[in-house]
Structures are given as C-alpha cells and as structure tokens.
Amino acid sequence: MPSVVLSVIGSDRPGLTEALAAAVLAAGGNWLESHLSRLGGLYVGSVLVALAPDRVEALRDAVRAVDAKGLEVRIAAAVEADGAPGEALHLSLVGQDRPGIVRQVTAVLSGLDVNIEAFDTKITAEPHSGAPLFHMDADLRLPPGLSAAGVQAALEAISAEIMVDLTLTPAQRG
C-alpha cells in the first residue's frame, strides 16, 4: 500500500498525538512509524502512514481539524525505495559542546558522499563538572566502494580539532 509522510509542528500540549492518530484512523490510514518530540518548546515530528491513494483527500480533511487546534501538518507522498546499496554504519560521537561540530562532521560525511539516514543530537551535563557535553548518533549509508575504515580515518582526522570521541560500528537494523 502506498504511504504518505506527515510533518508536524506546533505548540506542545497534551492530546496532540491522539488528535493526529484520530485523523489518520478517520481517513483509513495505518500509522507505521514516527519520530515525535518536544524540541525548542514545540511539538515536532514526522509520521509515516500507509494510505490508499484515493484516501489522501480524506486525510487532508481530517488533518484540518488538527490544524485548527494549532498544529501545522503537511502531507507528502512517501517514496518507495529498494534497499540502498552500500554498507550501513552507526556513528556515535561525544565531546565538549561548541559551535561547529555538526557542520564539521557533516562536511566530512558529505565530502565522502555518505548518506545520513538518521541523525539525533542532544546536550547533557558532564557528570563531574556539569559542563555541556554534545552527543551525536547517526545512521550512515556508505556509497559503494567506500569502506568503514575510510570513513573512520576521515572522521578521526578532525576528531582532535573538534575535541570529540567517536565510534563507528555496523548498523543494527530491525
């Protein structure tokens, strides 16, 4: 069955996920996968919904009621993709927080033509000093011909400059 992706953003308050789930169900959709969170005081995220093509307008209508409650919802057709070629890796990184870490790491990955399939960051307090620690977790897909060792070497070349520890492991899928 074809799928759509809902992108959502709005003021956070109780009941938003339920309102969104009710809209999906009312349109005959099946909630498959989602990433929803409170970010910067807002409710933000994305939802993958299995939905028959002739029910997209019904979903748009159902979502209007959620929009009226202050949640912006956009609907886009999902792209069906076969398994991507190339090795899948997981990158974990931690270091003292400072501006530019994301830019430098993503520049290295982009320069190697590595696709970032999932990307999560957060700041925590260092246990002893309370200093802010930056954490990054990313699922990567390497282009054919690029080895994990090549990615590791490229990231290690900048790790001392940006003062981070990083690990690169085979991705755990499923």
C-alpha atoms as a PDB file:
ATOM      1  CA  MET A   1       0.000   0.000   0.000  1.00  0.00           C
ATOM      2  CA  PRO A   2       1.341   3.468  -0.812  1.00  0.00           C
ATOM      3  CA  SER A   3       2.423   5.696   2.049  1.00  0.00           C
ATOM      4  CA  VAL A   4       2.457   9.365   2.978  1.00  0.00           C
ATOM      5  CA  VAL A   5       4.597  11.294   5.406  1.00  0.00           C
ATOM      6  CA  LEU A   6       3.029  13.796   7.772  1.00  0.00           C
ATOM      7  CA  SER A   7       5.321  16.575   9.018  1.00  0.00           C
ATOM      8  CA  VAL A   8       4.025  18.290  12.145  1.00  0.00           C
ATOM      9  CA  ILE A   9       4.935  21.347  14.210  1.00  0.00           C
ATOM     10  CA  GLY A  10       3.034  23.364  16.785  1.00  0.00           C
ATOM     11  CA  SER A  11       2.730  24.452  20.395  1.00  0.00           C
ATOM     12  CA  ASP A  12       3.206  21.464  22.668  1.00  0.00           C
ATOM     13  CA  ARG A  13       0.276  20.386  24.839  1.00  0.00           C
ATOM     14  CA  PRO A  14      -1.461  17.176  25.865  1.00  0.00           C
ATOM     15  CA  GLY A  15      -3.609  15.482  23.236  1.00  0.00           C
ATOM     16  CA  LEU A  16      -1.749  16.375  20.037  1.00  0.00           C
ATOM     17  CA  THR A  17      -0.551  12.856  19.283  1.00  0.00           C
ATOM     18  CA  GLU A  18      -4.036  11.489  19.939  1.00  0.00           C
ATOM     19  CA  ALA A  19      -5.598  14.107  17.636  1.00  0.00           C
ATOM     20  CA  LEU A  20      -3.123  13.188  14.913  1.00  0.00           C
ATOM     21  CA  ALA A  21      -3.749   9.454  15.412  1.00  0.00           C
ATOM     22  CA  ALA A  22      -7.509  10.046  15.231  1.00  0.00           C
ATOM     23  CA  ALA A  23      -7.117  11.930  11.930  1.00  0.00           C
ATOM     24  CA  VAL A  24      -5.040   9.093  10.468  1.00  0.00           C
ATOM     25  CA  LEU A  25      -7.565   6.473  11.564  1.00  0.00           C
ATOM     26  CA  ALA A  26     -10.558   8.534  10.360  1.00  0.00           C
ATOM     27  CA  ALA A  27      -9.011   8.639   6.884  1.00  0.00           C
ATOM     28  CA  GLY A  28      -8.466   4.881   6.871  1.00  0.00           C
ATOM     29  CA  GLY A  29      -4.712   5.143   7.313  1.00  0.00           C
ATOM     30  CA  ASN A  30      -2.386   2.886   9.262  1.00  0.00           C
ATOM     31  CA  TRP A  31       0.242   4.607  11.460  1.00  0.00           C
ATOM     32  CA  LEU A  32       3.514   2.815  10.612  1.00  0.00           C
ATOM     33  CA  GLU A  33       6.435   4.750  12.003  1.00  0.00           C
ATOM     34  CA  SER A  34       7.012   8.079  13.701  1.00  0.00           C
ATOM     35  CA  HIS A  35       9.533  10.419  15.259  1.00  0.00           C
ATOM     36  CA  LEU A  36       7.769  12.910  17.542  1.00  0.00           C
ATOM     37  CA  SER A  37       9.302  15.044  20.259  1.00  0.00           C
ATOM     38  CA  ARG A  38       9.332  18.293  22.155  1.00  0.00           C
ATOM     39  CA  LEU A  39      12.040  20.455  20.618  1.00  0.00           C
ATOM     40  CA  GLY A  40      12.591  24.096  21.485  1.00  0.00           C
ATOM     41  CA  GLY A  41       9.279  24.075  23.354  1.00  0.00           C
ATOM     42  CA  LEU A  42       7.406  22.936  20.247  1.00  0.00           C
ATOM     43  CA  TYR A  43       5.835  19.621  19.324  1.00  0.00           C
ATOM     44  CA  VAL A  44       7.632  18.491  16.150  1.00  0.00           C
ATOM     45  CA  GLY A  45       7.978  15.346  14.150  1.00  0.00           C
ATOM     46  CA  SER A  46       7.083  13.114  11.288  1.00  0.00           C
ATOM     47  CA  VAL A  47       4.749  10.172  10.817  1.00  0.00           C
ATOM     48  CA  LEU A  48       4.775   7.520   8.076  1.00  0.00           C
ATOM     49  CA  VAL A  49       1.242   6.407   7.252  1.00  0.00           C
ATOM     50  CA  ALA A  50       0.091   3.608   4.925  1.00  0.00           C
ATOM     51  CA  LEU A  51      -2.826   5.059   2.999  1.00  0.00           C
ATOM     52  CA  ALA A  52      -4.675   4.179  -0.184  1.00  0.00           C
ATOM     53  CA  PRO A  53      -4.167   6.860  -2.850  1.00  0.00           C
ATOM     54  CA  ASP A  54      -7.896   7.595  -3.002  1.00  0.00           C
ATOM     55  CA  ARG A  55      -7.887   8.423   0.747  1.00  0.00           C
ATOM     56  CA  VAL A  56      -5.313  11.238   0.680  1.00  0.00           C
ATOM     57  CA  GLU A  57      -8.020  13.911   0.414  1.00  0.00           C
ATOM     58  CA  ALA A  58      -9.870  12.311   3.336  1.00  0.00           C
ATOM     59  CA  LEU A  59      -6.648  12.565   5.345  1.00  0.00           C
ATOM     60  CA  ARG A  60      -6.237  16.218   4.332  1.00  0.00           C
ATOM     61  CA  ASP A  61      -9.789  16.882   5.545  1.00  0.00           C
ATOM     62  CA  ALA A  62      -9.206  15.036   8.830  1.00  0.00           C
ATOM     63  CA  VAL A  63      -5.936  16.890   9.395  1.00  0.00           C
ATOM     64  CA  ARG A  64      -7.670  20.269   9.010  1.00  0.00           C
ATOM     65  CA  ALA A  65      -9.346  19.658  12.370  1.00  0.00           C
ATOM     66  CA  VAL A  66      -5.922  19.050  13.911  1.00  0.00           C
ATOM     67  CA  ASP A  67      -4.625  22.210  12.189  1.00  0.00           C
ATOM     68  CA  ALA A  68      -7.471  24.128  13.844  1.00  0.00           C
ATOM     69  CA  LYS A  69      -6.024  23.088  17.221  1.00  0.00           C
ATOM     70  CA  GLY A  70      -2.751  24.855  16.428  1.00  0.00           C
ATOM     71  CA  LEU A  71      -0.748  22.037  14.909  1.00  0.00           C
ATOM     72  CA  GLU A  72       0.573  22.604  11.401  1.00  0.00           C
ATOM     73  CA  VAL A  73       0.502  19.380   9.389  1.00  0.00           C
ATOM     74  CA  ARG A  74       1.964  18.865   5.916  1.00  0.00           C
ATOM     75  CA  ILE A  75       1.369  15.757   3.825  1.00  0.00           C
ATOM     76  CA  ALA A  76       3.837  14.428   1.254  1.00  0.00           C
ATOM     77  CA  ALA A  77       3.840  11.223  -0.748  1.00  0.00           C
ATOM     78  CA  ALA A  78       6.467   8.784   0.526  1.00  0.00           C
ATOM     79  CA  VAL A  79       8.970   7.471  -1.984  1.00  0.00           C
ATOM     80  CA  GLU A  80       9.149   3.706  -2.131  1.00  0.00           C
ATOM     81  CA  ALA A  81      12.795   2.746  -2.182  1.00  0.00           C
ATOM     82  CA  ASP A  82      14.512  -0.590  -2.539  1.00  0.00           C
ATOM     83  CA  GLY A  83      17.268  -1.436  -0.104  1.00  0.00           C
ATOM     84  CA  ALA A  84      20.009   1.134  -0.552  1.00  0.00           C
ATOM     85  CA  PRO A  85      23.372  -0.179  -1.738  1.00  0.00           C
ATOM     86  CA  GLY A  86      26.431   0.291   0.412  1.00  0.00           C
ATOM     87  CA  GLU A  87      27.413  -0.584   3.936  1.00  0.00           C
ATOM     88  CA  ALA A  88      25.258   0.676   6.830  1.00  0.00           C
ATOM     89  CA  LEU A  89      27.133   2.117   9.816  1.00  0.00           C
ATOM     90  CA  HIS A  90      26.250   3.776  13.114  1.00  0.00           C
ATOM     91  CA  LEU A  91      28.241   6.798  14.263  1.00  0.00           C
ATOM     92  CA  SER A  92      28.310   7.787  17.931  1.00  0.00           C
ATOM     93  CA  LEU A  93      30.150  10.915  18.941  1.00  0.00           C
ATOM     94  CA  VAL A  94      30.557  12.763  22.239  1.00  0.00           C
ATOM     95  CA  GLY A  95      32.581  15.795  23.227  1.00  0.00           C
ATOM     96  CA  GLN A  96      32.565  19.180  24.886  1.00  0.00           C
ATOM     97  CA  ASP A  97      29.846  21.260  23.270  1.00  0.00           C
ATOM     98  CA  ARG A  98      30.926  24.068  20.988  1.00  0.00           C
ATOM     99  CA  PRO A  99      29.602  25.653  17.794  1.00  0.00           C
ATOM    100  CA  GLY A 100      30.547  23.924  14.548  1.00  0.00           C
ATOM    101  CA  ILE A 101      30.685  20.250  15.500  1.00  0.00           C
ATOM    102  CA  VAL A 102      27.696  19.306  13.341  1.00  0.00           C
ATOM    103  CA  ARG A 103      28.996  21.348  10.403  1.00  0.00           C
ATOM    104  CA  GLN A 104      32.445  19.796  10.521  1.00  0.00           C
ATOM    105  CA  VAL A 105      31.253  16.201  10.873  1.00  0.00           C
ATOM    106  CA  THR A 106      28.594  16.530   8.179  1.00  0.00           C
ATOM    107  CA  ALA A 107      31.102  18.224   5.851  1.00  0.00           C
ATOM    108  CA  VAL A 108      33.398  15.195   6.136  1.00  0.00           C
ATOM    109  CA  LEU A 109      30.496  12.804   5.502  1.00  0.00           C
ATOM    110  CA  SER A 110      29.182  14.842   2.585  1.00  0.00           C
ATOM    111  CA  GLY A 111      32.666  15.019   1.090  1.00  0.00           C
ATOM    112  CA  LEU A 112      32.755  11.221   1.116  1.00  0.00           C
ATOM    113  CA  ASP A 113      29.251  11.016  -0.431  1.00  0.00           C
ATOM    114  CA  VAL A 114      27.937   9.284   2.714  1.00  0.00           C
ATOM    115  CA  ASN A 115      24.160   9.460   3.173  1.00  0.00           C
ATOM    116  CA  ILE A 116      22.866  10.267   6.671  1.00  0.00           C
ATOM    117  CA  GLU A 117      19.744   8.120   7.125  1.00  0.00           C
ATOM    118  CA  ALA A 118      19.029   9.070  10.743  1.00  0.00           C
ATOM    119  CA  PHE A 119      20.500  11.847  12.859  1.00  0.00           C
ATOM    120  CA  ASP A 120      19.978  12.630  16.550  1.00  0.00           C
ATOM    121  CA  THR A 121      21.802  15.087  18.775  1.00  0.00           C
ATOM    122  CA  LYS A 122      21.452  16.244  22.354  1.00  0.00           C
ATOM    123  CA  ILE A 123      23.264  18.136  25.067  1.00  0.00           C
ATOM    124  CA  THR A 124      23.781  16.645  28.535  1.00  0.00           C
ATOM    125  CA  ALA A 125      25.762  17.748  31.571  1.00  0.00           C
ATOM    126  CA  GLU A 126      29.165  16.206  32.158  1.00  0.00           C
ATOM    127  CA  PRO A 127      28.800  14.174  35.389  1.00  0.00           C
ATOM    128  CA  HIS A 128      31.646  15.741  37.379  1.00  0.00           C
ATOM    129  CA  SER A 129      31.907  19.315  36.147  1.00  0.00           C
ATOM    130  CA  GLY A 130      28.414  19.935  34.782  1.00  0.00           C
ATOM    131  CA  ALA A 131      29.950  21.225  31.536  1.00  0.00           C
ATOM    132  CA  PRO A 132      27.771  20.711  28.469  1.00  0.00           C
ATOM    133  CA  LEU A 133      28.508  17.531  26.509  1.00  0.00           C
ATOM    134  CA  PHE A 134      27.400  17.203  22.899  1.00  0.00           C
ATOM    135  CA  HIS A 135      26.145  13.776  21.772  1.00  0.00           C
ATOM    136  CA  MET A 136      25.518  12.743  18.176  1.00  0.00           C
ATOM    137  CA  ASP A 137      24.122   9.455  16.887  1.00  0.00           C
ATOM    138  CA  ALA A 138      23.764   8.914  13.164  1.00  0.00           C
ATOM    139  CA  ASP A 139      22.925   6.012  10.895  1.00  0.00           C
ATOM    140  CA  LEU A 140      25.022   6.230   7.762  1.00  0.00           C
ATOM    141  CA  ARG A 141      24.879   4.587   4.346  1.00  0.00           C
ATOM    142  CA  LEU A 142      28.213   4.424   2.563  1.00  0.00           C
ATOM    143  CA  PRO A 143      28.436   4.688  -1.199  1.00  0.00           C
ATOM    144  CA  PRO A 144      29.617   1.555  -2.990  1.00  0.00           C
ATOM    145  CA  GLY A 145      33.396   1.373  -2.879  1.00  0.00           C
ATOM    146  CA  LEU A 146      33.854   3.341   0.360  1.00  0.00           C
ATOM    147  CA  SER A 147      34.959   1.306   3.367  1.00  0.00           C
ATOM    148  CA  ALA A 148      34.176   1.839   7.023  1.00  0.00           C
ATOM    149  CA  ALA A 149      37.914   2.272   7.568  1.00  0.00           C
ATOM    150  CA  GLY A 150      37.930   5.174   5.099  1.00  0.00           C
ATOM    151  CA  VAL A 151      35.110   6.912   6.969  1.00  0.00           C
ATOM    152  CA  GLN A 152      36.801   6.217  10.321  1.00  0.00           C
ATOM    153  CA  ALA A 153      40.077   7.736   9.103  1.00  0.00           C
ATOM    154  CA  ALA A 154      38.382  10.846   7.714  1.00  0.00           C
ATOM    155  CA  LEU A 155      36.452  11.439  10.953  1.00  0.00           C
ATOM    156  CA  GLU A 156      39.476  10.770  13.147  1.00  0.00           C
ATOM    157  CA  ALA A 157      41.389  13.394  11.139  1.00  0.00           C
ATOM    158  CA  ILE A 158      39.051  16.065  12.566  1.00  0.00           C
ATOM    159  CA  SER A 159      38.298  14.495  15.963  1.00  0.00           C
ATOM    160  CA  ALA A 160      41.235  16.154  17.739  1.00  0.00           C
ATOM    161  CA  GLU A 161      40.385  19.552  16.226  1.00  0.00           C
ATOM    162  CA  ILE A 162      36.756  19.407  17.377  1.00  0.00           C
ATOM    163  CA  MET A 163      37.723  17.529  20.580  1.00  0.00           C
ATOM    164  CA  VAL A 164      35.326  14.599  20.344  1.00  0.00           C
ATOM    165  CA  ASP A 165      35.451  10.853  20.828  1.00  0.00           C
ATOM    166  CA  LEU A 166      33.747   8.840  18.150  1.00  0.00           C
ATOM    167  CA  THR A 167      32.884   5.249  17.382  1.00  0.00           C
ATOM    168  CA  LEU A 168      31.771   3.773  14.108  1.00  0.00           C
ATOM    169  CA  THR A 169      30.074   0.374  14.222  1.00  0.00           C
ATOM    170  CA  PRO A 170      27.988  -1.776  11.866  1.00  0.00           C
ATOM    171  CA  ALA A 171      24.397  -0.533  11.982  1.00  0.00           C
ATOM    172  CA  GLN A 172      21.907  -2.583  13.944  1.00  0.00           C
ATOM    173  CA  ARG A 173      18.786  -2.851  11.787  1.00  0.00           C
ATOM    174  CA  GLY A 174      15.369  -4.135  12.705  1.00  0.00           C
END
